[in-house]
Amino acid sequence: MKTFATRFLSTALIVGVLAAMSSMALAQISIGINVNIEPPALPVYVQPPCPQPNFMWTPGYWAWDGVGDYYWVPGTWVEAPQPGYLWTPGYWGWGDGGVYVFHGGYWGTQVGFYGGVNYGFGYGGGGFAGGEWRGGSFAYNTAVVSVNTTVIHTTYVNTTIVTNTTIVNNSHSSFNGGPNGIAVKPTPEQETFAKQPHLPATAAQTQHEQVAKQDKSNFASANHGVPAHAAVARPATSVAELQKNAVVAKAAPGAKPYVARPAAAAAKPAEAAHAAPKTQPAAHAQPAAKPAPAPAKAAPAKTEAAPRSEKPAAHPAAAPKAAAPKPAAEKPAAKPAPHTEAAPKAAAPKPAAPKPAPKPAPAKKEPEHKN
């Protein structure tokens, strides 16, 4: 009886631990990082050949240092945690609060949604074309990936799947949604797969990311979006190893040197444009109602126009011109009024002139009739 109870408790404990591990894996995958600065574009680089069988390609990506800068995590080949598992890359996505949210990558039996970002080398944005598991061995599609054929013999070429899984991304954007982002949404199948249990990044991947963070030349503020160490054949264990073995990146065609852009400025240009007219009419309505303060010297009008570089010439120039004529028109109107009233007073003596002229004439004629 005691033996049965012991076995039952042991089984329950193991099941509980496994469930907790699955929950932790899901929690680690779902936890994201919120940043209000737009991530740099993806650089262009050459993929190092796969060094040994059953290694999976994990694309390079921009990570956040937690302080105020992005740094490049080089792409590398990583051993799968177990046969049959594929890597879904992490990606940056536009969040509801006007920020960029990072969705971490994970291992699973199929490749899920990674924002439609075209990382290349089998990750064209709409699926995976880099190879497939055949029993306990991984076969590589050399149409899109590079392998060391002296040690890897399970290869094939399939260009059709490459075409079907590629999303054209000429701007090399590294994030989904929002301003300048990739406008792709997950399919129902990808949404379902995202809710299933997955495995987080391996210890080698985690160490590789930490080493990349120590390489100051891979920070966007230093390389302006073109990392000096873009990819390595194996996960790096030290900065010296990374700098020695990494391939150099090139800027994406047509891409300008990276300059950090706050999300607020990039996300709400329309709102800022509409906000300016709302404030400006109110300012013009006040001088119109009170002409006296209007000449109160065009200083207030200039101060308002300064922050709004979009329309400084239209409103500030119209304000002084409209205010200046109005006081001039009102002052002359007040002065002529007294002159108009004085004019009738000067005309009043005119009726006195006709009285002396007609009356003396008849007085002289009356004596003539008496003679």
Protein backbone atom coordinates (compact mmCIF):
# COMPACT_ATOMS: atom_id res chain seq x y z
CA MET A 1 0.00 0.00 0.00
CA LYS A 2 2.81 2.38 0.87
CA THR A 3 4.58 1.41 -2.35
CA PHE A 4 1.47 2.26 -4.41
CA ALA A 5 1.04 5.60 -2.62
CA THR A 6 4.69 6.44 -3.18
CA ARG A 7 4.48 5.61 -6.88
CA PHE A 8 1.28 7.63 -7.24
CA LEU A 9 2.83 10.67 -5.59
CA SER A 10 5.99 10.35 -7.69
CA THR A 11 3.96 10.15 -10.91
CA ALA A 12 1.86 13.15 -9.91
CA LEU A 13 5.00 15.11 -9.07
CA ILE A 14 6.61 14.33 -12.45
CA VAL A 15 3.45 15.32 -14.34
CA GLY A 16 3.29 18.56 -12.35
CA VAL A 17 6.93 19.37 -13.11
CA LEU A 18 6.44 18.71 -16.84
CA ALA A 19 3.35 20.91 -16.91
CA ALA A 20 5.23 23.64 -15.10
CA MET A 21 8.10 23.39 -17.59
CA SER A 22 5.67 23.70 -20.50
CA SER A 23 4.08 26.74 -18.88
CA MET A 24 7.50 28.29 -18.28
CA ALA A 25 8.43 27.70 -21.90
CA LEU A 26 5.24 29.39 -23.04
CA ALA A 27 5.80 32.24 -20.60
CA GLN A 28 9.36 32.79 -21.81
CA ILE A 29 8.18 32.84 -25.40
CA SER A 30 5.30 35.23 -24.78
CA ILE A 31 7.27 37.76 -22.70
CA GLY A 32 8.24 40.69 -24.92
CA ILE A 33 10.30 43.86 -24.77
CA ASN A 34 8.65 47.22 -25.46
CA VAL A 35 10.73 49.91 -27.19
CA ASN A 36 9.67 53.31 -28.53
CA ILE A 37 12.49 53.54 -31.11
CA GLU A 38 12.17 52.06 -34.59
CA PRO A 39 14.48 49.05 -35.19
CA PRO A 40 17.14 49.36 -37.92
CA ALA A 41 16.75 47.67 -41.30
CA LEU A 42 18.19 44.21 -41.88
CA PRO A 43 21.74 44.25 -43.24
CA VAL A 44 22.99 42.11 -46.12
CA TYR A 45 25.57 39.40 -45.46
CA VAL A 46 26.83 36.04 -46.73
CA GLN A 47 25.76 32.91 -44.89
CA PRO A 48 28.61 30.79 -43.50
CA PRO A 49 28.36 27.11 -44.56
CA CYS A 50 26.66 24.74 -42.12
CA PRO A 51 29.52 23.08 -40.17
CA GLN A 52 27.89 19.74 -39.28
CA PRO A 53 24.71 17.67 -39.73
CA ASN A 54 21.43 18.49 -37.94
CA PHE A 55 22.46 22.08 -37.28
CA MET A 56 19.69 24.62 -37.94
CA TRP A 57 20.18 28.16 -39.22
CA THR A 58 19.05 30.90 -36.82
CA PRO A 59 18.93 34.27 -38.62
CA GLY A 60 20.61 37.39 -37.23
CA TYR A 61 18.38 40.02 -35.66
CA TRP A 62 18.42 43.35 -33.83
CA ALA A 63 18.12 43.00 -30.04
CA TRP A 64 17.55 45.74 -27.44
CA ASP A 65 20.19 46.42 -24.80
CA GLY A 66 17.64 47.58 -22.21
CA VAL A 67 19.15 51.07 -22.02
CA GLY A 68 18.74 52.93 -25.28
CA ASP A 69 20.30 51.15 -28.25
CA TYR A 70 19.90 48.18 -30.59
CA TYR A 71 22.69 45.67 -31.12
CA TRP A 72 23.04 43.01 -33.79
CA VAL A 73 22.93 39.33 -32.80
CA PRO A 74 24.82 37.52 -35.58
CA GLY A 75 23.16 34.72 -37.49
CA THR A 76 24.57 31.28 -36.71
CA TRP A 77 24.06 27.53 -37.08
CA VAL A 78 22.72 25.86 -33.92
CA GLU A 79 22.15 22.22 -33.08
CA ALA A 80 18.44 21.44 -32.77
CA PRO A 81 17.36 20.50 -29.23
CA GLN A 82 15.97 17.23 -30.62
CA PRO A 83 15.30 15.67 -34.03
CA GLY A 84 12.17 16.91 -35.78
CA TYR A 85 12.34 20.44 -34.29
CA LEU A 86 12.61 23.64 -36.33
CA TRP A 87 13.44 27.19 -35.29
CA THR A 88 10.92 30.04 -35.55
CA PRO A 89 12.86 33.34 -35.48
CA GLY A 90 11.86 36.20 -33.20
CA TYR A 91 10.63 39.47 -34.66
CA TRP A 92 9.70 43.04 -33.75
CA GLY A 93 6.05 44.01 -34.07
CA TRP A 94 4.11 47.26 -33.72
CA GLY A 95 2.17 47.27 -30.44
CA ASP A 96 -1.16 48.90 -29.55
CA GLY A 97 0.50 51.45 -27.27
CA GLY A 98 2.58 52.95 -30.06
CA VAL A 99 5.72 50.92 -29.25
CA TYR A 100 7.73 48.12 -30.83
CA VAL A 101 7.34 44.75 -29.11
CA PHE A 102 9.81 41.91 -29.52
CA HIS A 103 8.35 38.40 -29.89
CA GLY A 104 10.99 35.86 -28.95
CA GLY A 105 11.83 32.87 -31.13
CA TYR A 106 11.17 29.25 -30.19
CA TRP A 107 11.65 25.62 -31.21
CA GLY A 108 8.74 23.52 -32.44
CA THR A 109 7.72 20.79 -34.86
CA GLN A 110 6.95 23.40 -37.52
CA VAL A 111 7.89 27.00 -38.24
CA GLY A 112 5.35 29.51 -36.97
CA PHE A 113 4.70 33.18 -37.65
CA TYR A 114 7.73 35.49 -37.53
CA GLY A 115 6.18 38.76 -38.65
CA GLY A 116 6.57 38.26 -42.38
CA VAL A 117 10.18 39.45 -42.03
CA ASN A 118 12.35 38.19 -44.87
CA TYR A 119 15.49 37.09 -43.03
CA GLY A 120 16.72 35.11 -46.04
CA PHE A 121 18.40 31.68 -46.13
CA GLY A 122 15.12 29.77 -46.06
CA TYR A 123 13.19 32.27 -43.93
CA GLY A 124 11.57 34.26 -46.72
CA GLY A 125 8.85 35.72 -44.49
CA GLY A 126 6.00 33.29 -45.23
CA GLY A 127 7.28 29.96 -43.97
CA PHE A 128 10.45 27.88 -44.16
CA ALA A 129 12.24 26.61 -47.25
CA GLY A 130 15.67 25.76 -45.84
CA GLY A 131 15.17 22.03 -45.51
CA GLU A 132 13.18 19.21 -43.89
CA TRP A 133 13.58 16.41 -41.42
CA ARG A 134 13.82 12.91 -42.91
CA GLY A 135 13.69 10.55 -39.99
CA GLY A 136 16.51 11.47 -37.62
CA SER A 137 18.50 13.45 -40.23
CA PHE A 138 17.93 16.92 -41.59
CA ALA A 139 18.09 17.42 -45.35
CA TYR A 140 19.22 20.86 -46.53
CA ASN A 141 17.74 22.74 -49.47
CA THR A 142 20.90 24.11 -51.07
CA ALA A 143 18.82 26.41 -53.26
CA VAL A 144 18.77 28.81 -50.30
CA VAL A 145 21.28 27.59 -47.71
CA SER A 146 25.02 26.98 -47.77
CA VAL A 147 26.46 23.76 -46.33
CA ASN A 148 29.84 22.07 -46.01
CA THR A 149 29.34 19.22 -48.46
CA THR A 150 32.42 17.41 -47.20
CA VAL A 151 30.59 16.55 -43.96
CA ILE A 152 26.93 16.98 -45.00
CA HIS A 153 25.53 14.67 -47.67
CA THR A 154 21.76 15.01 -47.19
CA THR A 155 20.96 17.84 -49.57
CA TYR A 156 18.44 18.61 -52.30
CA VAL A 157 17.32 21.55 -54.45
CA ASN A 158 13.75 22.91 -54.46
CA THR A 159 13.23 26.39 -55.90
CA THR A 160 9.42 26.18 -55.96
CA ILE A 161 9.07 26.26 -52.18
CA VAL A 162 11.45 29.21 -52.09
CA THR A 163 9.16 31.16 -54.40
CA ASN A 164 6.04 30.20 -52.45
CA THR A 165 7.44 31.26 -49.07
CA THR A 166 9.15 34.50 -50.05
CA ILE A 167 7.67 37.90 -49.19
CA VAL A 168 9.24 40.74 -51.15
CA ASN A 169 10.82 43.22 -48.74
CA ASN A 170 12.84 45.73 -50.76
CA SER A 171 13.14 48.07 -47.79
CA HIS A 172 14.67 45.27 -45.67
CA SER A 173 12.34 46.24 -42.83
CA SER A 174 13.00 44.27 -39.65
CA PHE A 175 9.58 44.68 -38.01
CA ASN A 176 5.90 43.97 -38.59
CA GLY A 177 3.12 46.59 -38.69
CA GLY A 178 3.16 50.27 -37.83
CA PRO A 179 4.87 52.97 -39.90
CA ASN A 180 7.29 51.50 -42.47
CA GLY A 181 6.62 47.95 -41.20
CA ILE A 182 5.60 44.78 -43.03
CA ALA A 183 1.83 44.49 -43.45
CA VAL A 184 1.47 40.72 -42.95
CA LYS A 185 -0.78 38.90 -40.47
CA PRO A 186 -0.53 35.31 -39.24
CA THR A 187 -2.63 32.65 -40.90
CA PRO A 188 -5.17 30.65 -38.82
CA GLU A 189 -2.74 27.70 -38.85
CA GLN A 190 0.10 29.86 -37.54
CA GLU A 191 -2.12 31.28 -34.79
CA THR A 192 -3.07 27.75 -33.72
CA PHE A 193 0.54 26.62 -33.71
CA ALA A 194 1.60 29.63 -31.66
CA LYS A 195 -0.66 28.47 -28.81
CA GLN A 196 0.94 25.01 -28.63
CA PRO A 197 3.82 24.17 -26.25
CA HIS A 198 7.28 25.03 -27.59
CA LEU A 199 10.87 24.93 -26.45
CA PRO A 200 12.76 28.18 -25.75
CA ALA A 201 16.17 29.09 -27.12
CA THR A 202 18.97 26.70 -26.20
CA ALA A 203 21.79 27.52 -23.79
CA ALA A 204 24.15 28.01 -26.76
CA GLN A 205 21.77 30.54 -28.31
CA THR A 206 21.41 32.46 -25.05
CA GLN A 207 25.17 32.65 -24.58
CA HIS A 208 25.60 33.72 -28.19
CA GLU A 209 23.23 36.66 -27.65
CA GLN A 210 25.04 37.72 -24.49
CA VAL A 211 28.40 37.66 -26.28
CA ALA A 212 26.94 39.79 -29.08
CA LYS A 213 25.83 42.35 -26.50
CA GLN A 214 29.44 42.68 -25.32
CA ASP A 215 30.63 43.50 -28.84
CA LYS A 216 30.26 47.29 -28.91
CA SER A 217 30.97 47.42 -32.64
CA ASN A 218 27.66 45.64 -33.23
CA PHE A 219 25.59 48.44 -31.64
CA ALA A 220 23.50 50.48 -34.06
CA SER A 221 24.80 53.77 -32.62
CA ALA A 222 28.32 52.67 -33.61
CA ASN A 223 27.73 50.94 -36.95
CA HIS A 224 24.66 52.94 -38.15
CA GLY A 225 22.81 49.75 -39.08
CA VAL A 226 25.72 47.89 -40.73
CA PRO A 227 27.24 45.47 -38.16
CA ALA A 228 30.88 44.54 -38.55
CA HIS A 229 30.22 40.99 -37.34
CA ALA A 230 27.07 39.76 -39.07
CA ALA A 231 27.21 35.94 -38.94
CA VAL A 232 29.31 33.01 -37.71
CA ALA A 233 29.28 29.29 -38.42
CA ARG A 234 28.85 28.32 -34.75
CA PRO A 235 27.46 30.16 -31.70
CA ALA A 236 30.09 32.50 -30.25
CA THR A 237 31.47 31.86 -26.77
CA SER A 238 33.57 35.03 -26.53
CA VAL A 239 33.86 38.44 -28.18
CA ALA A 240 37.34 37.57 -29.49
CA GLU A 241 36.00 34.44 -31.16
CA LEU A 242 33.08 36.35 -32.62
CA GLN A 243 35.25 39.10 -34.08
CA LYS A 244 37.74 36.59 -35.49
CA ASN A 245 35.28 34.30 -37.29
CA ALA A 246 32.37 36.55 -38.26
CA VAL A 247 31.55 37.73 -41.77
CA VAL A 248 31.09 41.45 -42.38
CA ALA A 249 27.69 42.89 -43.32
CA LYS A 250 26.80 45.36 -46.04
CA ALA A 251 24.12 48.02 -46.02
CA ALA A 252 20.87 47.07 -47.71
CA PRO A 253 20.57 48.53 -51.25
CA GLY A 254 19.19 52.05 -51.02
CA ALA A 255 19.22 52.04 -47.22
CA LYS A 256 20.35 55.23 -45.50
CA PRO A 257 22.63 55.21 -42.41
CA TYR A 258 20.52 54.33 -39.40
CA VAL A 259 19.31 57.15 -37.18
CA ALA A 260 17.14 56.32 -34.18
CA ARG A 261 13.54 57.45 -34.74
CA PRO A 262 11.19 57.69 -31.75
CA ALA A 263 7.97 55.77 -32.26
CA ALA A 264 5.85 58.79 -31.31
CA ALA A 265 7.29 60.89 -34.14
CA ALA A 266 7.02 58.09 -36.66
CA ALA A 267 3.61 56.89 -35.60
CA LYS A 268 1.54 60.06 -35.40
CA PRO A 269 2.57 62.46 -38.15
CA ALA A 270 -1.05 62.95 -39.18
CA GLU A 271 -2.18 63.79 -35.67
CA ALA A 272 0.55 66.40 -35.29
CA ALA A 273 -0.47 67.98 -38.58
CA HIS A 274 -4.12 68.18 -37.52
CA ALA A 275 -3.27 69.49 -34.08
CA ALA A 276 -1.55 72.58 -35.47
CA PRO A 277 -4.57 74.00 -37.29
CA LYS A 278 -6.74 73.53 -34.21
CA THR A 279 -4.46 75.69 -32.10
CA GLN A 280 -3.75 78.34 -34.71
CA PRO A 281 -7.34 79.38 -35.51
CA ALA A 282 -7.92 79.98 -31.81
CA ALA A 283 -4.94 82.29 -31.71
CA HIS A 284 -6.17 84.25 -34.75
CA ALA A 285 -9.70 84.54 -33.41
CA GLN A 286 -8.49 86.36 -30.30
CA PRO A 287 -6.76 89.23 -32.13
CA ALA A 288 -9.83 89.62 -34.35
CA ALA A 289 -12.10 90.12 -31.33
CA LYS A 290 -9.69 92.50 -29.62
CA PRO A 291 -8.08 94.82 -32.16
CA ALA A 292 -6.32 96.90 -29.50
CA PRO A 293 -3.97 94.11 -28.33
CA ALA A 294 -3.32 93.04 -31.91
CA PRO A 295 -0.53 95.54 -32.44
CA ALA A 296 0.67 94.16 -29.13
CA LYS A 297 3.57 93.46 -31.23
CA ALA A 298 3.81 90.45 -33.44
CA ALA A 299 5.86 88.69 -30.73
CA PRO A 300 3.06 86.28 -29.66
CA ALA A 301 2.37 85.29 -33.24
CA LYS A 302 6.03 84.47 -33.87
CA THR A 303 6.31 82.41 -30.69
CA GLU A 304 3.35 80.25 -31.69
CA ALA A 305 4.61 79.68 -35.20
CA ALA A 306 8.12 78.67 -34.12
CA PRO A 307 7.32 75.10 -32.96
CA ARG A 308 5.19 74.38 -36.02
CA SER A 309 7.69 74.30 -38.82
CA GLU A 310 5.13 72.78 -41.18
CA LYS A 311 3.14 76.03 -41.82
CA PRO A 312 5.04 78.97 -40.37
CA ALA A 313 4.81 81.24 -43.38
CA ALA A 314 1.06 81.06 -43.94
CA HIS A 315 -0.35 81.86 -40.52
CA PRO A 316 2.20 84.18 -38.90
CA ALA A 317 2.46 86.33 -42.05
CA ALA A 318 -1.31 86.67 -42.36
CA ALA A 319 -1.76 87.61 -38.70
CA PRO A 320 0.23 90.84 -38.66
CA LYS A 321 -1.13 92.02 -42.04
CA ALA A 322 -4.74 91.45 -41.09
CA ALA A 323 -4.33 93.12 -37.70
CA ALA A 324 -2.48 96.21 -38.96
CA PRO A 325 -5.14 97.48 -41.42
CA LYS A 326 -7.98 97.06 -38.96
CA PRO A 327 -6.74 99.54 -36.34
CA ALA A 328 -5.84 102.03 -39.14
CA ALA A 329 -9.37 101.81 -40.59
CA GLU A 330 -11.04 102.26 -37.23
CA LYS A 331 -9.02 105.36 -36.19
CA PRO A 332 -9.81 107.42 -39.32
CA ALA A 333 -13.46 106.41 -38.99
CA ALA A 334 -13.59 107.95 -35.50
CA LYS A 335 -11.91 111.23 -36.56
CA PRO A 336 -14.16 112.08 -39.55
CA ALA A 337 -17.23 111.81 -37.34
CA PRO A 338 -16.57 115.10 -35.50
CA HIS A 339 -15.87 116.86 -38.84
CA THR A 340 -19.18 115.75 -40.27
CA GLU A 341 -21.05 117.17 -37.32
CA ALA A 342 -19.21 120.57 -37.59
CA ALA A 343 -20.19 120.95 -41.26
CA PRO A 344 -23.95 121.37 -40.62
CA LYS A 345 -23.24 124.01 -37.95
CA ALA A 346 -21.37 126.20 -40.48
CA ALA A 347 -24.28 125.94 -42.95
CA ALA A 348 -26.82 127.31 -40.42
CA PRO A 349 -26.07 131.05 -41.08
CA LYS A 350 -27.12 130.72 -44.77
CA PRO A 351 -30.87 131.41 -44.19
CA ALA A 352 -30.01 134.86 -42.62
CA ALA A 353 -28.62 136.17 -45.94
CA PRO A 354 -31.92 136.16 -47.96
CA LYS A 355 -33.81 138.26 -45.35
CA PRO A 356 -32.02 141.66 -45.82
CA ALA A 357 -32.02 141.43 -49.63
CA PRO A 358 -35.81 141.19 -50.49
CA LYS A 359 -37.23 143.42 -47.69
CA PRO A 360 -35.58 146.82 -48.49
CA ALA A 361 -36.82 146.79 -52.14
CA PRO A 362 -40.64 147.00 -51.47
CA ALA A 363 -40.15 149.79 -48.88
CA LYS A 364 -38.95 152.23 -51.56
CA LYS A 365 -41.81 151.51 -54.08
CA GLU A 366 -44.74 152.42 -51.82
CA PRO A 367 -44.10 156.20 -51.82
CA GLU A 368 -44.15 156.23 -55.64
CA HIS A 369 -47.85 155.08 -55.76
CA LYS A 370 -48.86 157.96 -53.46
CA ASN A 371 -47.60 160.60 -55.91
